[in-house]
Amino acid sequence: IVLEPCDGTVSDMDVTATAFAHRSCKYLLQWEMIQADPETPRDVATLDDFLTRTRKSIAPLLTGGRYLNYADRLDTPKSWWGENLDRLSAVSRRHDPARRILSRLHPA
C-alpha cells in the first residue's frame, strides 16, 4: 500500500479544470496485488475476495473517489470522474455519438 500526498499544484487547480475530480483529497492510496504466473481461477478468486473485503473495511476512511491510474475491478466511472462525470459524458456523446471508442473508462 502506498500513500501519495495530493497537494501543491494538484490541489491548487479547480475540480473542473480537468477530468480529475478529486483535487480536495489529502492523499491518494494505491495498492498492488501480485498473483502467481500463470494465475489460476483460485488465485483470481482469492485476490478478488481480498480486494473486496479490504475495500469494504477501509471505505469509511476514504472519499469514494478513485484515481484512474489506480483503477481496480470494483471502480465505476462515477468513482473516477466524480462531479465531472456529467460534463465528460456530454463531451463523449457529442464527439463519439456512435461509441466507436470502446473502453471500460468511457464516461457514459
PDB file of N, CA and C in Angstrom:
ATOM      1  N   ILE A   1       0.854  -1.166   0.000  1.00  0.00           N
ATOM      2  CA  ILE A   1       0.000   0.000   0.000  1.00  0.00           C
ATOM      3  C   ILE A   1       0.897   1.226   0.000  1.00  0.00           C
ATOM      4  N   VAL A   2       0.573   2.184  -0.866  1.00  0.00           N
ATOM      5  CA  VAL A   2       1.336   3.418  -0.987  1.00  0.00           C
ATOM      6  C   VAL A   2       0.389   4.590  -0.763  1.00  0.00           C
ATOM      7  N   LEU A   3       0.770   5.517   0.090  1.00  0.00           N
ATOM      8  CA  LEU A   3       0.034   6.772   0.272  1.00  0.00           C
ATOM      9  C   LEU A   3       0.844   7.886  -0.381  1.00  0.00           C
ATOM     10  N   GLU A   4       0.227   8.571  -1.327  1.00  0.00           N
ATOM     11  CA  GLU A   4       0.888   9.673  -2.005  1.00  0.00           C
ATOM     12  C   GLU A   4       0.197  10.975  -1.634  1.00  0.00           C
ATOM     13  N   PRO A   5       0.948  12.011  -1.283  1.00  0.00           N
ATOM     14  CA  PRO A   5       0.313  13.290  -0.973  1.00  0.00           C
ATOM     15  C   PRO A   5      -0.368  13.860  -2.210  1.00  0.00           C
ATOM     16  N   CYS A   6      -1.484  14.478  -2.005  1.00  0.00           N
ATOM     17  CA  CYS A   6      -2.254  15.097  -3.092  1.00  0.00           C
ATOM     18  C   CYS A   6      -2.365  16.578  -2.753  1.00  0.00           C
ATOM     19  N   ASP A   7      -1.261  17.283  -2.953  1.00  0.00           N
ATOM     20  CA  ASP A   7      -1.225  18.696  -2.585  1.00  0.00           C
ATOM     21  C   ASP A   7      -0.518  19.489  -3.673  1.00  0.00           C
ATOM     22  N   GLY A   8      -0.114  20.682  -3.363  1.00  0.00           N
ATOM     23  CA  GLY A   8       0.593  21.509  -4.341  1.00  0.00           C
ATOM     24  C   GLY A   8      -0.279  21.830  -5.536  1.00  0.00           C
ATOM     25  N   THR A   9       0.275  21.692  -6.717  1.00  0.00           N
ATOM     26  CA  THR A   9      -0.439  22.015  -7.946  1.00  0.00           C
ATOM     27  C   THR A   9      -1.705  21.190  -8.108  1.00  0.00           C
ATOM     28  N   VAL A  10      -1.690  19.962  -7.668  1.00  0.00           N
ATOM     29  CA  VAL A  10      -2.877  19.108  -7.781  1.00  0.00           C
ATOM     30  C   VAL A  10      -4.055  19.753  -7.061  1.00  0.00           C
ATOM     31  N   SER A  11      -3.854  20.162  -5.833  1.00  0.00           N
ATOM     32  CA  SER A  11      -4.955  20.729  -5.054  1.00  0.00           C
ATOM     33  C   SER A  11      -5.208  22.200  -5.359  1.00  0.00           C
ATOM     34  N   ASP A  12      -4.249  22.859  -6.015  1.00  0.00           N
ATOM     35  CA  ASP A  12      -4.432  24.266  -6.363  1.00  0.00           C
ATOM     36  C   ASP A  12      -5.379  24.474  -7.546  1.00  0.00           C
ATOM     37  N   MET A  13      -5.504  23.454  -8.392  1.00  0.00           N
ATOM     38  CA  MET A  13      -6.362  23.567  -9.575  1.00  0.00           C
ATOM     39  C   MET A  13      -7.828  23.360  -9.201  1.00  0.00           C
ATOM     40  N   ASP A  14      -8.712  23.989  -9.957  1.00  0.00           N
ATOM     41  CA  ASP A  14     -10.140  23.817  -9.759  1.00  0.00           C
ATOM     42  C   ASP A  14     -10.549  22.394 -10.166  1.00  0.00           C
ATOM     43  N   VAL A  15     -11.519  21.862  -9.466  1.00  0.00           N
ATOM     44  CA  VAL A  15     -12.004  20.498  -9.726  1.00  0.00           C
ATOM     45  C   VAL A  15     -12.455  20.333 -11.170  1.00  0.00           C
ATOM     46  N   THR A  16     -12.974  21.384 -11.780  1.00  0.00           N
ATOM     47  CA  THR A  16     -13.472  21.281 -13.151  1.00  0.00           C
ATOM     48  C   THR A  16     -12.412  21.609 -14.205  1.00  0.00           C
ATOM     49  N   ALA A  17     -11.184  21.886 -13.798  1.00  0.00           N
ATOM     50  CA  ALA A  17     -10.126  22.244 -14.746  1.00  0.00           C
ATOM     51  C   ALA A  17      -9.732  21.075 -15.641  1.00  0.00           C
ATOM     52  N   THR A  18      -9.843  19.866 -15.128  1.00  0.00           N
ATOM     53  CA  THR A  18      -9.520  18.653 -15.887  1.00  0.00           C
ATOM     54  C   THR A  18     -10.543  17.590 -15.515  1.00  0.00           C
ATOM     55  N   ALA A  19     -10.391  16.405 -16.067  1.00  0.00           N
ATOM     56  CA  ALA A  19     -11.307  15.312 -15.730  1.00  0.00           C
ATOM     57  C   ALA A  19     -11.105  14.830 -14.294  1.00  0.00           C
ATOM     58  N   PHE A  20      -9.917  15.007 -13.735  1.00  0.00           N
ATOM     59  CA  PHE A  20      -9.611  14.534 -12.380  1.00  0.00           C
ATOM     60  C   PHE A  20     -10.365  15.376 -11.356  1.00  0.00           C
ATOM     61  N   ALA A  21     -11.311  14.752 -10.688  1.00  0.00           N
ATOM     62  CA  ALA A  21     -12.235  15.487  -9.814  1.00  0.00           C
ATOM     63  C   ALA A  21     -11.865  15.452  -8.336  1.00  0.00           C
ATOM     64  N   HIS A  22     -10.821  14.772  -7.971  1.00  0.00           N
ATOM     65  CA  HIS A  22     -10.547  14.510  -6.555  1.00  0.00           C
ATOM     66  C   HIS A  22      -9.413  15.380  -6.021  1.00  0.00           C
ATOM     67  N   ARG A  23      -9.437  16.645  -6.356  1.00  0.00           N
ATOM     68  CA  ARG A  23      -8.358  17.568  -6.006  1.00  0.00           C
ATOM     69  C   ARG A  23      -8.381  18.017  -4.554  1.00  0.00           C
ATOM     70  N   SER A  24      -9.448  17.750  -3.847  1.00  0.00           N
ATOM     71  CA  SER A  24      -9.512  18.154  -2.438  1.00  0.00           C
ATOM     72  C   SER A  24      -9.001  17.061  -1.501  1.00  0.00           C
ATOM     73  N   CYS A  25      -8.581  15.956  -2.046  1.00  0.00           N
ATOM     74  CA  CYS A  25      -8.050  14.855  -1.226  1.00  0.00           C
ATOM     75  C   CYS A  25      -6.705  15.241  -0.620  1.00  0.00           C
ATOM     76  N   LYS A  26      -6.430  14.686   0.529  1.00  0.00           N
ATOM     77  CA  LYS A  26      -5.120  14.894   1.153  1.00  0.00           C
ATOM     78  C   LYS A  26      -4.095  13.892   0.631  1.00  0.00           C
ATOM     79  N   TYR A  27      -4.565  12.665   0.335  1.00  0.00           N
ATOM     80  CA  TYR A  27      -3.675  11.597  -0.121  1.00  0.00           C
ATOM     81  C   TYR A  27      -4.373  10.758  -1.182  1.00  0.00           C
ATOM     82  N   LEU A  28      -3.567  10.119  -2.019  1.00  0.00           N
ATOM     83  CA  LEU A  28      -4.035   9.078  -2.915  1.00  0.00           C
ATOM     84  C   LEU A  28      -3.506   7.766  -2.360  1.00  0.00           C
ATOM     85  N   LEU A  29      -4.369   6.784  -2.262  1.00  0.00           N
ATOM     86  CA  LEU A  29      -3.982   5.481  -1.750  1.00  0.00           C
ATOM     87  C   LEU A  29      -3.905   4.516  -2.918  1.00  0.00           C
ATOM     88  N   GLN A  30      -2.810   3.816  -3.012  1.00  0.00           N
ATOM     89  CA  GLN A  30      -2.606   2.849  -4.091  1.00  0.00           C
ATOM     90  C   GLN A  30      -2.204   1.524  -3.467  1.00  0.00           C
ATOM     91  N   TRP A  31      -2.746   0.445  -4.013  1.00  0.00           N
ATOM     92  CA  TRP A  31      -2.272  -0.857  -3.572  1.00  0.00           C
ATOM     93  C   TRP A  31      -2.009  -1.735  -4.776  1.00  0.00           C
ATOM     94  N   GLU A  32      -1.117  -2.680  -4.583  1.00  0.00           N
ATOM     95  CA  GLU A  32      -0.789  -3.637  -5.632  1.00  0.00           C
ATOM     96  C   GLU A  32      -0.937  -5.030  -5.068  1.00  0.00           C
ATOM     97  N   MET A  33      -1.508  -5.889  -5.873  1.00  0.00           N
ATOM     98  CA  MET A  33      -1.610  -7.304  -5.510  1.00  0.00           C
ATOM     99  C   MET A  33      -0.944  -8.093  -6.627  1.00  0.00           C
ATOM    100  N   ILE A  34      -0.022  -8.920  -6.259  1.00  0.00           N
ATOM    101  CA  ILE A  34       0.726  -9.693  -7.247  1.00  0.00           C
ATOM    102  C   ILE A  34       0.265 -11.135  -7.160  1.00  0.00           C
ATOM    103  N   GLN A  35      -0.087 -11.658  -8.318  1.00  0.00           N
ATOM    104  CA  GLN A  35      -0.601 -13.015  -8.356  1.00  0.00           C
ATOM    105  C   GLN A  35       0.404 -13.945  -9.025  1.00  0.00           C
ATOM    106  N   ALA A  36       0.176 -15.212  -8.849  1.00  0.00           N
ATOM    107  CA  ALA A  36       1.052 -16.225  -9.431  1.00  0.00           C
ATOM    108  C   ALA A  36       0.992 -16.155 -10.958  1.00  0.00           C
ATOM    109  N   ASP A  37       2.056 -16.567 -11.605  1.00  0.00           N
ATOM    110  CA  ASP A  37       2.090 -16.618 -13.060  1.00  0.00           C
ATOM    111  C   ASP A  37       2.462 -18.033 -13.473  1.00  0.00           C
ATOM    112  N   PRO A  38       1.619 -18.774 -14.115  1.00  0.00           N
ATOM    113  CA  PRO A  38       0.292 -18.355 -14.566  1.00  0.00           C
ATOM    114  C   PRO A  38      -0.708 -18.408 -13.414  1.00  0.00           C
ATOM    115  N   GLU A  39      -1.670 -17.521 -13.475  1.00  0.00           N
ATOM    116  CA  GLU A  39      -2.681 -17.476 -12.424  1.00  0.00           C
ATOM    117  C   GLU A  39      -3.738 -18.550 -12.652  1.00  0.00           C
ATOM    118  N   THR A  40      -4.285 -18.999 -11.581  1.00  0.00           N
ATOM    119  CA  THR A  40      -5.371 -19.974 -11.653  1.00  0.00           C
ATOM    120  C   THR A  40      -6.677 -19.280 -11.272  1.00  0.00           C
ATOM    121  N   PRO A  41      -7.810 -19.868 -11.597  1.00  0.00           N
ATOM    122  CA  PRO A  41      -9.081 -19.287 -11.151  1.00  0.00           C
ATOM    123  C   PRO A  41      -9.130 -19.109  -9.626  1.00  0.00           C
ATOM    124  N   ARG A  42      -8.501 -20.019  -8.904  1.00  0.00           N
ATOM    125  CA  ARG A  42      -8.458 -19.902  -7.439  1.00  0.00           C
ATOM    126  C   ARG A  42      -7.657 -18.672  -7.015  1.00  0.00           C
ATOM    127  N   ASP A  43      -6.523 -18.423  -7.692  1.00  0.00           N
ATOM    128  CA  ASP A  43      -5.724 -17.232  -7.396  1.00  0.00           C
ATOM    129  C   ASP A  43      -6.544 -15.963  -7.604  1.00  0.00           C
ATOM    130  N   VAL A  44      -7.234 -15.890  -8.723  1.00  0.00           N
ATOM    131  CA  VAL A  44      -8.050 -14.719  -9.036  1.00  0.00           C
ATOM    132  C   VAL A  44      -9.142 -14.546  -7.990  1.00  0.00           C
ATOM    133  N   ALA A  45      -9.817 -15.627  -7.630  1.00  0.00           N
ATOM    134  CA  ALA A  45     -10.892 -15.557  -6.634  1.00  0.00           C
ATOM    135  C   ALA A  45     -10.354 -15.105  -5.279  1.00  0.00           C
ATOM    136  N   THR A  46      -9.188 -15.589  -4.892  1.00  0.00           N
ATOM    137  CA  THR A  46      -8.579 -15.206  -3.619  1.00  0.00           C
ATOM    138  C   THR A  46      -8.261 -13.715  -3.595  1.00  0.00           C
ATOM    139  N   LEU A  47      -7.640 -13.216  -4.662  1.00  0.00           N
ATOM    140  CA  LEU A  47      -7.304 -11.799  -4.719  1.00  0.00           C
ATOM    141  C   LEU A  47      -8.554 -10.924  -4.825  1.00  0.00           C
ATOM    142  N   ASP A  48      -9.547 -11.362  -5.589  1.00  0.00           N
ATOM    143  CA  ASP A  48     -10.799 -10.608  -5.678  1.00  0.00           C
ATOM    144  C   ASP A  48     -11.484 -10.520  -4.320  1.00  0.00           C
ATOM    145  N   ASP A  49     -11.492 -11.618  -3.595  1.00  0.00           N
ATOM    146  CA  ASP A  49     -12.106 -11.619  -2.263  1.00  0.00           C
ATOM    147  C   ASP A  49     -11.339 -10.683  -1.326  1.00  0.00           C
ATOM    148  N   PHE A  50     -10.023 -10.752  -1.371  1.00  0.00           N
ATOM    149  CA  PHE A  50      -9.208  -9.877  -0.538  1.00  0.00           C
ATOM    150  C   PHE A  50      -9.458  -8.404  -0.873  1.00  0.00           C
ATOM    151  N   LEU A  51      -9.501  -8.082  -2.172  1.00  0.00           N
ATOM    152  CA  LEU A  51      -9.759  -6.715  -2.599  1.00  0.00           C
ATOM    153  C   LEU A  51     -11.119  -6.240  -2.100  1.00  0.00           C
ATOM    154  N   THR A  52     -12.130  -7.048  -2.268  1.00  0.00           N
ATOM    155  CA  THR A  52     -13.481  -6.670  -1.847  1.00  0.00           C
ATOM    156  C   THR A  52     -13.550  -6.455  -0.340  1.00  0.00           C
ATOM    157  N   ARG A  53     -12.996  -7.380   0.423  1.00  0.00           N
ATOM    158  CA  ARG A  53     -13.021  -7.248   1.887  1.00  0.00           C
ATOM    159  C   ARG A  53     -12.224  -6.033   2.349  1.00  0.00           C
ATOM    160  N   THR A  54     -11.062  -5.818   1.749  1.00  0.00           N
ATOM    161  CA  THR A  54     -10.218  -4.686   2.137  1.00  0.00           C
ATOM    162  C   THR A  54     -10.904  -3.367   1.813  1.00  0.00           C
ATOM    163  N   ARG A  55     -11.444  -3.253   0.606  1.00  0.00           N
ATOM    164  CA  ARG A  55     -12.138  -2.015   0.229  1.00  0.00           C
ATOM    165  C   ARG A  55     -13.312  -1.739   1.163  1.00  0.00           C
ATOM    166  N   LYS A  56     -14.070  -2.766   1.517  1.00  0.00           N
ATOM    167  CA  LYS A  56     -15.206  -2.572   2.426  1.00  0.00           C
ATOM    168  C   LYS A  56     -14.745  -2.145   3.813  1.00  0.00           C
ATOM    169  N   SER A  57     -13.651  -2.721   4.278  1.00  0.00           N
ATOM    170  CA  SER A  57     -13.204  -2.409   5.636  1.00  0.00           C
ATOM    171  C   SER A  57     -12.631  -1.001   5.762  1.00  0.00           C
ATOM    172  N   ILE A  58     -12.010  -0.469   4.706  1.00  0.00           N
ATOM    173  CA  ILE A  58     -11.435   0.874   4.800  1.00  0.00           C
ATOM    174  C   ILE A  58     -12.340   1.946   4.188  1.00  0.00           C
ATOM    175  N   ALA A  59     -13.470   1.559   3.627  1.00  0.00           N
ATOM    176  CA  ALA A  59     -14.374   2.516   2.971  1.00  0.00           C
ATOM    177  C   ALA A  59     -14.726   3.716   3.850  1.00  0.00           C
ATOM    178  N   PRO A  60     -14.979   3.539   5.144  1.00  0.00           N
ATOM    179  CA  PRO A  60     -15.321   4.710   5.957  1.00  0.00           C
ATOM    180  C   PRO A  60     -14.198   5.754   6.039  1.00  0.00           C
ATOM    181  N   LEU A  61     -12.984   5.365   5.726  1.00  0.00           N
ATOM    182  CA  LEU A  61     -11.847   6.280   5.794  1.00  0.00           C
ATOM    183  C   LEU A  61     -11.576   6.989   4.473  1.00  0.00           C
ATOM    184  N   LEU A  62     -12.267   6.572   3.416  1.00  0.00           N
ATOM    185  CA  LEU A  62     -11.987   7.066   2.075  1.00  0.00           C
ATOM    186  C   LEU A  62     -13.110   7.959   1.559  1.00  0.00           C
ATOM    187  N   THR A  63     -12.816   8.721   0.511  1.00  0.00           N
ATOM    188  CA  THR A  63     -13.815   9.611  -0.083  1.00  0.00           C
ATOM    189  C   THR A  63     -14.761   8.882  -1.021  1.00  0.00           C
ATOM    190  N   GLY A  64     -14.356   7.727  -1.521  1.00  0.00           N
ATOM    191  CA  GLY A  64     -15.140   7.021  -2.531  1.00  0.00           C
ATOM    192  C   GLY A  64     -14.663   7.320  -3.934  1.00  0.00           C
ATOM    193  N   GLY A  65     -13.857   8.359  -4.087  1.00  0.00           N
ATOM    194  CA  GLY A  65     -13.298   8.687  -5.389  1.00  0.00           C
ATOM    195  C   GLY A  65     -12.103   7.803  -5.692  1.00  0.00           C
ATOM    196  N   ARG A  66     -11.833   7.648  -6.974  1.00  0.00           N
ATOM    197  CA  ARG A  66     -10.703   6.817  -7.396  1.00  0.00           C
ATOM    198  C   ARG A  66      -9.872   7.560  -8.432  1.00  0.00           C
ATOM    199  N   TYR A  67      -8.568   7.396  -8.343  1.00  0.00           N
ATOM    200  CA  TYR A  67      -7.653   7.916  -9.347  1.00  0.00           C
ATOM    201  C   TYR A  67      -7.568   6.860 -10.434  1.00  0.00           C
ATOM    202  N   LEU A  68      -7.862   7.258 -11.654  1.00  0.00           N
ATOM    203  CA  LEU A  68      -7.989   6.314 -12.752  1.00  0.00           C
ATOM    204  C   LEU A  68      -6.767   5.423 -12.935  1.00  0.00           C
ATOM    205  N   ASN A  69      -5.576   5.950 -12.722  1.00  0.00           N
ATOM    206  CA  ASN A  69      -4.373   5.136 -12.899  1.00  0.00           C
ATOM    207  C   ASN A  69      -4.294   3.998 -11.885  1.00  0.00           C
ATOM    208  N   TYR A  70      -5.058   4.082 -10.805  1.00  0.00           N
ATOM    209  CA  TYR A  70      -5.052   3.040  -9.790  1.00  0.00           C
ATOM    210  C   TYR A  70      -6.360   2.254  -9.807  1.00  0.00           C
ATOM    211  N   ALA A  71      -7.046   2.260 -10.918  1.00  0.00           N
ATOM    212  CA  ALA A  71      -8.360   1.623 -11.018  1.00  0.00           C
ATOM    213  C   ALA A  71      -8.269   0.123 -10.753  1.00  0.00           C
ATOM    214  N   ASP A  72      -9.326  -0.379 -10.147  1.00  0.00           N
ATOM    215  CA  ASP A  72      -9.458  -1.823  -9.999  1.00  0.00           C
ATOM    216  C   ASP A  72     -10.852  -2.236 -10.442  1.00  0.00           C
ATOM    217  N   ARG A  73     -11.142  -3.499 -10.389  1.00  0.00           N
ATOM    218  CA  ARG A  73     -12.384  -4.020 -10.961  1.00  0.00           C
ATOM    219  C   ARG A  73     -13.635  -3.549 -10.229  1.00  0.00           C
ATOM    220  N   LEU A  74     -13.511  -2.992  -9.041  1.00  0.00           N
ATOM    221  CA  LEU A  74     -14.670  -2.515  -8.294  1.00  0.00           C
ATOM    222  C   LEU A  74     -15.027  -1.067  -8.620  1.00  0.00           C
ATOM    223  N   ASP A  75     -14.183  -0.386  -9.385  1.00  0.00           N
ATOM    224  CA  ASP A  75     -14.402   1.022  -9.684  1.00  0.00           C
ATOM    225  C   ASP A  75     -15.484   1.223 -10.741  1.00  0.00           C
ATOM    226  N   THR A  76     -16.009   2.439 -10.776  1.00  0.00           N
ATOM    227  CA  THR A  76     -17.038   2.825 -11.738  1.00  0.00           C
ATOM    228  C   THR A  76     -16.665   4.189 -12.327  1.00  0.00           C
ATOM    229  N   PRO A  77     -17.262   4.565 -13.457  1.00  0.00           N
ATOM    230  CA  PRO A  77     -16.989   5.912 -13.976  1.00  0.00           C
ATOM    231  C   PRO A  77     -17.291   7.007 -12.955  1.00  0.00           C
ATOM    232  N   LYS A  78     -18.312   6.860 -12.147  1.00  0.00           N
ATOM    233  CA  LYS A  78     -18.631   7.868 -11.130  1.00  0.00           C
ATOM    234  C   LYS A  78     -17.495   7.991 -10.107  1.00  0.00           C
ATOM    235  N   SER A  79     -16.889   6.869  -9.747  1.00  0.00           N
ATOM    236  CA  SER A  79     -15.794   6.941  -8.780  1.00  0.00           C
ATOM    237  C   SER A  79     -14.551   7.596  -9.393  1.00  0.00           C
ATOM    238  N   TRP A  80     -14.348   7.480 -10.698  1.00  0.00           N
ATOM    239  CA  TRP A  80     -13.200   8.126 -11.345  1.00  0.00           C
ATOM    240  C   TRP A  80     -13.436   9.597 -11.585  1.00  0.00           C
ATOM    241  N   TRP A  81     -14.589   9.912 -12.177  1.00  0.00           N
ATOM    242  CA  TRP A  81     -14.813  11.266 -12.666  1.00  0.00           C
ATOM    243  C   TRP A  81     -15.551  12.153 -11.675  1.00  0.00           C
ATOM    244  N   GLY A  82     -16.170  11.579 -10.643  1.00  0.00           N
ATOM    245  CA  GLY A  82     -16.844  12.358  -9.616  1.00  0.00           C
ATOM    246  C   GLY A  82     -17.857  13.325 -10.210  1.00  0.00           C
ATOM    247  N   GLU A  83     -17.805  14.568  -9.734  1.00  0.00           N
ATOM    248  CA  GLU A  83     -18.767  15.564 -10.197  1.00  0.00           C
ATOM    249  C   GLU A  83     -18.534  15.991 -11.640  1.00  0.00           C
ATOM    250  N   ASN A  84     -17.456  15.534 -12.247  1.00  0.00           N
ATOM    251  CA  ASN A  84     -17.194  15.832 -13.654  1.00  0.00           C
ATOM    252  C   ASN A  84     -17.838  14.825 -14.605  1.00  0.00           C
ATOM    253  N   LEU A  85     -18.450  13.785 -14.078  1.00  0.00           N
ATOM    254  CA  LEU A  85     -18.999  12.716 -14.926  1.00  0.00           C
ATOM    255  C   LEU A  85     -20.022  13.250 -15.925  1.00  0.00           C
ATOM    256  N   ASP A  86     -20.957  14.065 -15.495  1.00  0.00           N
ATOM    257  CA  ASP A  86     -21.984  14.566 -16.416  1.00  0.00           C
ATOM    258  C   ASP A  86     -21.371  15.386 -17.548  1.00  0.00           C
ATOM    259  N   ARG A  87     -20.422  16.234 -17.201  1.00  0.00           N
ATOM    260  CA  ARG A  87     -19.752  17.062 -18.221  1.00  0.00           C
ATOM    261  C   ARG A  87     -18.971  16.199 -19.208  1.00  0.00           C
ATOM    262  N   LEU A  88     -18.229  15.207 -18.704  1.00  0.00           N
ATOM    263  CA  LEU A  88     -17.453  14.328 -19.578  1.00  0.00           C
ATOM    264  C   LEU A  88     -18.364  13.450 -20.432  1.00  0.00           C
ATOM    265  N   SER A  89     -19.484  13.028 -19.865  1.00  0.00           N
ATOM    266  CA  SER A  89     -20.443  12.227 -20.627  1.00  0.00           C
ATOM    267  C   SER A  89     -21.021  13.037 -21.781  1.00  0.00           C
ATOM    268  N   ALA A  90     -21.305  14.317 -21.537  1.00  0.00           N
ATOM    269  CA  ALA A  90     -21.830  15.184 -22.596  1.00  0.00           C
ATOM    270  C   ALA A  90     -20.803  15.357 -23.712  1.00  0.00           C
ATOM    271  N   VAL A  91     -19.550  15.542 -23.353  1.00  0.00           N
ATOM    272  CA  VAL A  91     -18.479  15.659 -24.352  1.00  0.00           C
ATOM    273  C   VAL A  91     -18.382  14.358 -25.141  1.00  0.00           C
ATOM    274  N   SER A  92     -18.441  13.241 -24.456  1.00  0.00           N
ATOM    275  CA  SER A  92     -18.364  11.939 -25.110  1.00  0.00           C
ATOM    276  C   SER A  92     -19.521  11.742 -26.085  1.00  0.00           C
ATOM    277  N   ARG A  93     -20.731  12.082 -25.658  1.00  0.00           N
ATOM    278  CA  ARG A  93     -21.896  11.926 -26.539  1.00  0.00           C
ATOM    279  C   ARG A  93     -21.782  12.833 -27.765  1.00  0.00           C
ATOM    280  N   ARG A  94     -21.254  14.023 -27.565  1.00  0.00           N
ATOM    281  CA  ARG A  94     -21.129  14.973 -28.673  1.00  0.00           C
ATOM    282  C   ARG A  94     -20.066  14.524 -29.675  1.00  0.00           C
ATOM    283  N   HIS A  95     -18.922  14.046 -29.193  1.00  0.00           N
ATOM    284  CA  HIS A  95     -17.803  13.730 -30.083  1.00  0.00           C
ATOM    285  C   HIS A  95     -17.725  12.269 -30.498  1.00  0.00           C
ATOM    286  N   ASP A  96     -18.435  11.404 -29.810  1.00  0.00           N
ATOM    287  CA  ASP A  96     -18.425   9.981 -30.162  1.00  0.00           C
ATOM    288  C   ASP A  96     -19.836   9.400 -29.997  1.00  0.00           C
ATOM    289  N   PRO A  97     -20.821   9.955 -30.732  1.00  0.00           N
ATOM    290  CA  PRO A  97     -22.201   9.515 -30.545  1.00  0.00           C
ATOM    291  C   PRO A  97     -22.422   8.044 -30.902  1.00  0.00           C
ATOM    292  N   ALA A  98     -21.622   7.515 -31.794  1.00  0.00           N
ATOM    293  CA  ALA A  98     -21.762   6.107 -32.186  1.00  0.00           C
ATOM    294  C   ALA A  98     -20.969   5.177 -31.265  1.00  0.00           C
ATOM    295  N   ARG A  99     -20.309   5.740 -30.280  1.00  0.00           N
ATOM    296  CA  ARG A  99     -19.479   4.986 -29.323  1.00  0.00           C
ATOM    297  C   ARG A  99     -18.489   4.070 -30.033  1.00  0.00           C
ATOM    298  N   ARG A 100     -17.753   4.679 -30.946  1.00  0.00           N
ATOM    299  CA  ARG A 100     -16.709   3.921 -31.653  1.00  0.00           C
ATOM    300  C   ARG A 100     -15.495   3.698 -30.756  1.00  0.00           C
ATOM    301  N   ILE A 101     -15.310   4.601 -29.798  1.00  0.00           N
ATOM    302  CA  ILE A 101     -14.226   4.427 -28.834  1.00  0.00           C
ATOM    303  C   ILE A 101     -14.763   3.515 -27.743  1.00  0.00           C
ATOM    304  N   LEU A 102     -14.282   2.304 -27.723  1.00  0.00           N
ATOM    305  CA  LEU A 102     -14.746   1.323 -26.748  1.00  0.00           C
ATOM    306  C   LEU A 102     -13.727   1.196 -25.636  1.00  0.00           C
ATOM    307  N   SER A 103     -14.184   1.442 -24.443  1.00  0.00           N
ATOM    308  CA  SER A 103     -13.296   1.362 -23.298  1.00  0.00           C
ATOM    309  C   SER A 103     -14.115   1.259 -22.025  1.00  0.00           C
ATOM    310  N   ARG A 104     -13.614   0.526 -21.075  1.00  0.00           N
ATOM    311  CA  ARG A 104     -14.227   0.479 -19.749  1.00  0.00           C
ATOM    312  C   ARG A 104     -14.155   1.862 -19.092  1.00  0.00           C
ATOM    313  N   LEU A 105     -13.255   2.690 -19.574  1.00  0.00           N
ATOM    314  CA  LEU A 105     -13.045   4.008 -18.993  1.00  0.00           C
ATOM    315  C   LEU A 105     -13.992   5.051 -19.563  1.00  0.00           C
ATOM    316  N   HIS A 106     -14.821   4.659 -20.506  1.00  0.00           N
ATOM    317  CA  HIS A 106     -15.740   5.591 -21.148  1.00  0.00           C
ATOM    318  C   HIS A 106     -16.625   6.231 -20.084  1.00  0.00           C
ATOM    319  N   PRO A 107     -16.760   7.560 -20.098  1.00  0.00           N
ATOM    320  CA  PRO A 107     -17.516   8.227 -19.032  1.00  0.00           C
ATOM    321  C   PRO A 107     -19.013   7.992 -19.082  1.00  0.00           C
ATOM    322  N   ALA A 108     -19.563   7.587 -20.211  1.00  0.00           N
ATOM    323  CA  ALA A 108     -21.026   7.412 -20.273  1.00  0.00           C
ATOM    324  C   ALA A 108     -21.384   6.019 -20.730  1.00  0.00           C
TER     325      ALA A 108
END
